[in-house]
Amino acid sequence: MVFGLTRLIPGDPAVTLLGPGATNAQLNALRHQLHLDEPEARQFLSYVGGLAHGDFGTSLKTGQPISRALATRLPATIELSVTALLMALAVGIPFGVWAARRPEGPLDQALRLVALAGVSVPAFLLALGLQYAFGVWLGWLPVAGRTDPWEIRTGITGFVMLDAVLEGDGSALWDAIRHVLLPASVLASFLAATLSRFVRNTMIATMTSDYIRTARAKGLQERAVIVRHALRNAILPAVTVIGLQFGDMLGGAILTETVFSWPGLGRYTFEAIRNRDYPAIQGATLVFALMFVLTSLLVDLIALRLDPRLRRQSR
């Protein structure tokens, strides 16, 4: 499917690479060099054969192996996505709990309005707004890149924050955190809003259950009732929501990384689409799909661990 969809992108890769001033002879020579003049069925079989041997192909624009380009950009996207996920959990779950404690109260109404804005505001508009507010107007945070130019280093793992921790470099760690905050906030906004609304509704339904009334009748403090009983049961279905929404987060990474000049898979995919670089688009899409599948598997394992009913069914 990915192979077929890339061929539907308007434009000719040869014209994109050589420019509109190229002659027909030059265009035909480049198409032959890149095997674009071969039947699509033959191109597909060659592509599948390469995948079977772990070969994602060669970039039409740079001539470099796609696997090498993906490997250098994957850590940046993972670092951004994990940071956004942690931010969404840190904001969405507490907001949902606070809103559920007094349904339809002033705090609940305010948090619902914030959640509505989180799922309604386009990612690019939010990104531009945060860049202007915190980068241009206040000047607190950088608006582009992964690190400052003087902080660029080879690193051990490719994960800037992890490398800074392993090397004990506090300034590099702080610089990496400052750079990731704005793009991660954009990615986290939709998931945090969705999660807060889901947790709120689940908590409200849970708080009317018999075991909650029993816990209160035993004299447990309200905090213990919420954390030990209500929240614990509300988190279980929320885990599934997190797994499903993570796919949307990966999709949003393409636009977010492009706006913030984040050197990850999302920006690489955008550049590949703009250049009609078919092998690069196919390779990046496959990696995104693999990340989503692995995340879904991890979510299922976490749900199995948290819910004893699922553990009994699996035996």
Protein backbone atom coordinates (compact mmCIF):
# COMPACT_ATOMS: atom_id res chain seq x y z
CA MET A 1 0.00 0.00 0.00
CA VAL A 2 2.77 2.44 0.93
CA PHE A 3 4.57 1.68 -2.33
CA GLY A 4 1.44 2.40 -4.35
CA LEU A 5 0.50 5.57 -2.48
CA THR A 6 3.94 7.11 -2.98
CA ARG A 7 3.49 6.78 -6.74
CA LEU A 8 0.28 8.82 -6.50
CA ILE A 9 2.16 11.89 -5.24
CA PRO A 10 1.96 14.54 -7.97
CA GLY A 11 5.20 15.44 -9.71
CA ASP A 12 8.22 13.76 -11.23
CA PRO A 13 11.24 13.00 -9.01
CA ALA A 14 13.56 13.62 -11.94
CA VAL A 15 12.13 17.11 -12.52
CA THR A 16 12.33 17.83 -8.77
CA LEU A 17 16.00 16.83 -8.65
CA LEU A 18 17.19 18.47 -11.88
CA GLY A 19 14.85 21.45 -11.94
CA PRO A 20 12.40 22.67 -14.60
CA GLY A 21 15.24 23.73 -16.90
CA ALA A 22 16.48 20.18 -17.51
CA THR A 23 16.28 18.74 -21.01
CA ASN A 24 14.33 15.60 -21.88
CA ALA A 25 17.59 13.73 -22.42
CA GLN A 26 18.81 14.65 -18.96
CA LEU A 27 15.48 13.69 -17.40
CA ASN A 28 15.39 10.33 -19.19
CA ALA A 29 18.98 9.60 -18.19
CA LEU A 30 18.23 10.30 -14.53
CA ARG A 31 15.04 8.22 -14.62
CA HIS A 32 17.06 5.33 -16.04
CA GLN A 33 19.79 5.78 -13.42
CA LEU A 34 17.19 5.73 -10.60
CA HIS A 35 15.25 2.83 -12.21
CA LEU A 36 12.14 5.01 -12.44
CA ASP A 37 11.60 4.01 -16.06
CA GLU A 38 11.08 0.37 -15.13
CA PRO A 39 7.54 -1.08 -14.80
CA GLU A 40 6.08 -0.44 -11.36
CA ALA A 41 5.58 -4.17 -10.79
CA ARG A 42 9.31 -4.73 -11.27
CA GLN A 43 10.10 -1.79 -8.98
CA PHE A 44 7.81 -3.28 -6.33
CA LEU A 45 9.39 -6.72 -6.51
CA SER A 46 12.85 -5.17 -6.24
CA TYR A 47 11.70 -3.14 -3.22
CA VAL A 48 10.19 -6.15 -1.44
CA GLY A 49 13.30 -8.20 -2.16
CA GLY A 50 15.44 -5.52 -0.58
CA LEU A 51 13.22 -5.38 2.51
CA ALA A 52 13.61 -9.11 2.94
CA HIS A 53 17.34 -8.52 3.36
CA GLY A 54 16.92 -5.44 5.55
CA ASP A 55 17.64 -3.03 2.69
CA PHE A 56 15.33 0.01 2.63
CA GLY A 57 16.81 1.23 -0.61
CA THR A 58 18.78 4.34 -1.55
CA SER A 59 17.62 7.94 -1.40
CA LEU A 60 16.84 9.41 -4.81
CA LYS A 61 18.08 12.83 -3.70
CA THR A 62 21.21 12.12 -1.65
CA GLY A 63 22.20 8.68 -2.94
CA GLN A 64 22.72 7.54 0.66
CA PRO A 65 21.25 4.33 2.15
CA ILE A 66 17.80 4.95 3.66
CA SER A 67 18.56 2.71 6.64
CA ARG A 68 21.48 4.94 7.67
CA ALA A 69 19.36 8.10 7.44
CA LEU A 70 16.55 6.51 9.45
CA ALA A 71 18.94 5.26 12.13
CA THR A 72 20.39 8.74 12.68
CA ARG A 73 16.96 10.39 12.95
CA LEU A 74 15.04 7.75 14.90
CA PRO A 75 16.49 8.67 18.34
CA ALA A 76 15.35 12.28 17.95
CA THR A 77 11.76 11.24 17.23
CA ILE A 78 11.71 8.69 20.06
CA GLU A 79 13.09 11.29 22.49
CA LEU A 80 10.47 13.82 21.42
CA SER A 81 7.60 11.31 21.52
CA VAL A 82 8.52 9.89 24.93
CA THR A 83 8.87 13.39 26.38
CA ALA A 84 5.47 14.36 24.95
CA LEU A 85 3.91 11.18 26.34
CA LEU A 86 5.27 11.85 29.83
CA MET A 87 4.03 15.45 29.67
CA ALA A 88 0.57 14.28 28.57
CA LEU A 89 0.39 11.80 31.45
CA ALA A 90 1.59 14.40 33.96
CA VAL A 91 -1.09 16.86 32.83
CA GLY A 92 -4.00 14.76 31.60
CA ILE A 93 -4.44 12.37 34.53
CA PRO A 94 -4.35 14.99 37.36
CA PHE A 95 -6.65 17.31 35.41
CA GLY A 96 -9.12 14.48 34.87
CA VAL A 97 -9.07 13.58 38.58
CA TRP A 98 -9.50 17.18 39.73
CA ALA A 99 -12.40 17.71 37.34
CA ALA A 100 -14.13 14.52 38.50
CA ARG A 101 -14.02 15.43 42.20
CA ARG A 102 -16.67 18.14 41.73
CA PRO A 103 -18.52 17.50 38.45
CA GLU A 104 -20.02 20.58 36.78
CA GLY A 105 -18.22 22.82 39.27
CA PRO A 106 -16.12 25.86 38.28
CA LEU A 107 -12.89 23.85 38.12
CA ASP A 108 -14.55 21.13 36.06
CA GLN A 109 -15.95 23.69 33.61
CA ALA A 110 -12.58 25.41 33.26
CA LEU A 111 -10.69 22.16 32.70
CA ARG A 112 -13.24 20.98 30.16
CA LEU A 113 -12.78 24.24 28.27
CA VAL A 114 -9.01 23.76 28.29
CA ALA A 115 -9.42 20.15 27.09
CA LEU A 116 -11.74 21.31 24.31
CA ALA A 117 -9.12 23.80 23.17
CA GLY A 118 -6.47 21.07 23.28
CA VAL A 119 -8.35 18.86 20.83
CA SER A 120 -9.60 21.72 18.63
CA VAL A 121 -6.61 23.99 18.03
CA PRO A 122 -4.59 22.86 14.96
CA ALA A 123 -1.10 21.66 15.79
CA PHE A 124 0.62 24.11 13.45
CA LEU A 125 -1.29 27.06 14.95
CA LEU A 126 -0.42 25.97 18.47
CA ALA A 127 3.22 25.52 17.45
CA LEU A 128 3.45 29.00 15.95
CA GLY A 129 1.72 30.49 19.00
CA LEU A 130 4.12 28.82 21.43
CA GLN A 131 7.10 29.85 19.33
CA TYR A 132 6.02 33.48 19.38
CA ALA A 133 5.01 33.54 23.05
CA PHE A 134 7.93 31.70 24.64
CA GLY A 135 10.60 32.18 22.00
CA VAL A 136 10.09 35.62 20.48
CA TRP A 137 8.09 37.61 23.02
CA LEU A 138 9.37 36.23 26.33
CA GLY A 139 12.62 34.79 24.98
CA TRP A 140 12.57 31.93 27.48
CA LEU A 141 12.93 28.93 25.15
CA PRO A 142 14.57 28.20 21.78
CA VAL A 143 12.19 27.85 18.86
CA ALA A 144 14.14 25.52 16.58
CA GLY A 145 16.61 22.65 16.61
CA ARG A 146 17.47 19.95 19.09
CA THR A 147 20.45 21.65 20.73
CA ASP A 148 22.39 24.88 20.50
CA PRO A 149 25.15 24.75 17.84
CA TRP A 150 27.92 24.79 20.44
CA GLU A 151 26.33 21.86 22.28
CA ILE A 152 26.30 19.49 19.28
CA ARG A 153 28.28 16.32 20.03
CA THR A 154 28.64 12.81 18.69
CA GLY A 155 27.12 11.17 21.77
CA ILE A 156 26.95 7.57 22.85
CA THR A 157 23.37 6.51 22.19
CA GLY A 158 22.03 9.21 19.87
CA PHE A 159 19.60 10.36 22.58
CA VAL A 160 20.79 13.83 23.54
CA MET A 161 19.33 13.91 27.05
CA LEU A 162 20.44 10.37 27.85
CA ASP A 163 23.95 11.08 26.55
CA ALA A 164 24.13 14.22 28.70
CA VAL A 165 23.16 12.19 31.78
CA LEU A 166 25.68 9.44 31.02
CA GLU A 167 28.43 12.01 30.50
CA GLY A 168 27.43 14.01 33.58
CA ASP A 169 27.07 17.20 31.54
CA GLY A 170 24.44 19.33 33.27
CA SER A 171 24.60 22.23 30.82
CA ALA A 172 23.99 19.93 27.83
CA LEU A 173 21.07 18.28 29.64
CA TRP A 174 19.47 21.64 30.43
CA ASP A 175 20.00 22.79 26.85
CA ALA A 176 18.32 19.62 25.50
CA ILE A 177 15.37 20.02 27.89
CA ARG A 178 14.86 23.64 26.86
CA HIS A 179 14.82 22.66 23.18
CA VAL A 180 12.38 19.77 23.60
CA LEU A 181 9.80 21.58 25.74
CA LEU A 182 7.96 23.49 23.00
CA PRO A 183 7.66 20.72 20.36
CA ALA A 184 6.81 18.16 23.05
CA SER A 185 4.09 20.48 24.38
CA VAL A 186 2.52 20.65 20.93
CA LEU A 187 2.58 16.86 20.56
CA ALA A 188 1.29 16.34 24.11
CA SER A 189 -1.62 18.79 23.86
CA PHE A 190 -4.06 16.53 22.01
CA LEU A 191 -3.24 13.44 24.06
CA ALA A 192 -3.39 15.35 27.37
CA ALA A 193 -6.78 16.84 26.46
CA THR A 194 -8.19 13.49 25.34
CA LEU A 195 -6.80 11.71 28.39
CA SER A 196 -8.14 14.28 30.86
CA ARG A 197 -11.65 14.04 29.42
CA PHE A 198 -11.53 10.24 29.43
CA VAL A 199 -10.20 10.02 32.99
CA ARG A 200 -12.80 12.54 34.16
CA ASN A 201 -15.71 10.58 32.69
CA THR A 202 -14.36 7.26 33.94
CA MET A 203 -13.72 8.65 37.40
CA ILE A 204 -17.25 10.08 37.66
CA ALA A 205 -18.70 6.68 36.76
CA THR A 206 -16.35 4.90 39.16
CA MET A 207 -17.10 7.20 42.10
CA THR A 208 -20.73 6.02 42.14
CA SER A 209 -19.75 2.34 42.44
CA ASP A 210 -20.62 0.23 45.49
CA TYR A 211 -17.02 -0.44 46.45
CA ILE A 212 -16.34 3.31 46.58
CA ARG A 213 -19.26 3.80 48.97
CA THR A 214 -18.00 0.86 51.01
CA ALA A 215 -14.51 2.38 51.21
CA ARG A 216 -15.96 5.66 52.42
CA ALA A 217 -18.14 3.85 54.94
CA LYS A 218 -15.01 2.25 56.39
CA GLY A 219 -13.72 5.70 57.19
CA LEU A 220 -11.00 5.98 54.56
CA GLN A 221 -9.85 9.48 53.74
CA GLU A 222 -11.12 10.90 50.47
CA ARG A 223 -7.59 11.04 49.07
CA ALA A 224 -7.10 7.34 49.75
CA VAL A 225 -10.48 6.52 48.19
CA ILE A 226 -9.58 8.40 45.01
CA VAL A 227 -5.98 7.23 44.61
CA ARG A 228 -6.19 3.61 45.83
CA HIS A 229 -9.61 2.67 44.49
CA ALA A 230 -11.19 5.06 41.98
CA LEU A 231 -8.08 6.13 40.07
CA ARG A 232 -6.66 2.62 39.97
CA ASN A 233 -9.72 1.32 38.16
CA ALA A 234 -10.03 4.38 35.94
CA ILE A 235 -6.43 4.02 34.74
CA LEU A 236 -6.99 0.57 33.23
CA PRO A 237 -9.17 1.69 30.29
CA ALA A 238 -7.06 4.85 29.96
CA VAL A 239 -4.04 2.71 29.08
CA THR A 240 -5.79 1.55 25.91
CA VAL A 241 -6.65 5.13 25.00
CA ILE A 242 -3.00 6.12 25.39
CA GLY A 243 -1.93 3.36 23.02
CA LEU A 244 -4.46 4.37 20.37
CA GLN A 245 -3.69 8.08 20.64
CA PHE A 246 0.05 7.43 20.38
CA GLY A 247 -0.49 6.73 16.70
CA ASP A 248 -1.99 10.20 16.26
CA MET A 249 1.00 11.61 18.13
CA LEU A 250 3.38 9.99 15.65
CA GLY A 251 1.38 11.46 12.78
CA GLY A 252 1.57 14.89 14.39
CA ALA A 253 5.34 14.54 14.65
CA ILE A 254 5.68 15.21 10.90
CA LEU A 255 4.22 18.70 11.17
CA THR A 256 5.65 19.47 14.61
CA GLU A 257 9.20 18.48 13.71
CA THR A 258 9.00 20.52 10.53
CA VAL A 259 7.82 23.68 12.32
CA PHE A 260 10.47 23.37 15.03
CA SER A 261 13.27 22.15 12.70
CA TRP A 262 13.55 19.04 14.83
CA PRO A 263 15.94 16.58 13.09
CA GLY A 264 13.75 13.50 13.44
CA LEU A 265 11.77 11.10 11.28
CA GLY A 266 8.86 13.52 10.93
CA ARG A 267 10.93 16.26 9.32
CA TYR A 268 12.75 13.64 7.23
CA THR A 269 9.38 12.37 5.95
CA PHE A 270 8.25 15.90 5.08
CA GLU A 271 11.45 16.56 3.14
CA ALA A 272 11.11 13.22 1.37
CA ILE A 273 7.55 14.02 0.29
CA ARG A 274 8.61 17.46 -0.94
CA ASN A 275 11.46 15.94 -2.98
CA ARG A 276 9.36 13.00 -4.26
CA ASP A 277 11.94 10.69 -2.72
CA TYR A 278 9.98 7.45 -2.95
CA PRO A 279 12.38 5.11 -1.06
CA ALA A 280 12.74 7.62 1.79
CA ILE A 281 8.95 8.00 2.13
CA GLN A 282 8.50 4.22 2.14
CA GLY A 283 11.24 3.65 4.71
CA ALA A 284 10.03 6.36 7.09
CA THR A 285 6.43 5.14 6.84
CA LEU A 286 7.47 1.59 7.67
CA VAL A 287 9.42 2.78 10.72
CA PHE A 288 6.43 4.82 11.94
CA ALA A 289 4.20 1.77 11.48
CA LEU A 290 6.65 -0.42 13.38
CA MET A 291 6.77 2.11 16.24
CA PHE A 292 2.97 2.07 16.45
CA VAL A 293 2.82 -1.75 16.46
CA LEU A 294 5.47 -2.00 19.19
CA THR A 295 3.66 0.63 21.26
CA SER A 296 0.37 -1.24 20.93
CA LEU A 297 2.09 -4.44 22.04
CA LEU A 298 3.60 -2.65 25.03
CA VAL A 299 0.19 -1.22 25.96
CA ASP A 300 -1.35 -4.69 25.85
CA LEU A 301 1.39 -6.03 28.12
CA ILE A 302 0.89 -3.17 30.58
CA ALA A 303 -2.88 -3.73 30.61
CA LEU A 304 -2.29 -7.44 31.19
CA ARG A 305 -0.03 -6.57 34.11
CA LEU A 306 -2.45 -4.10 35.69
CA ASP A 307 -5.70 -6.03 35.25
CA PRO A 308 -5.84 -9.36 37.13
CA ARG A 309 -8.92 -10.39 35.14
CA LEU A 310 -6.88 -10.37 31.91
CA ARG A 311 -4.13 -12.39 33.57
CA ARG A 312 -6.61 -15.08 34.57
CA GLN A 313 -8.06 -15.20 31.05
CA SER A 314 -4.61 -15.61 29.50
CA ARG A 315 -3.83 -18.71 31.58
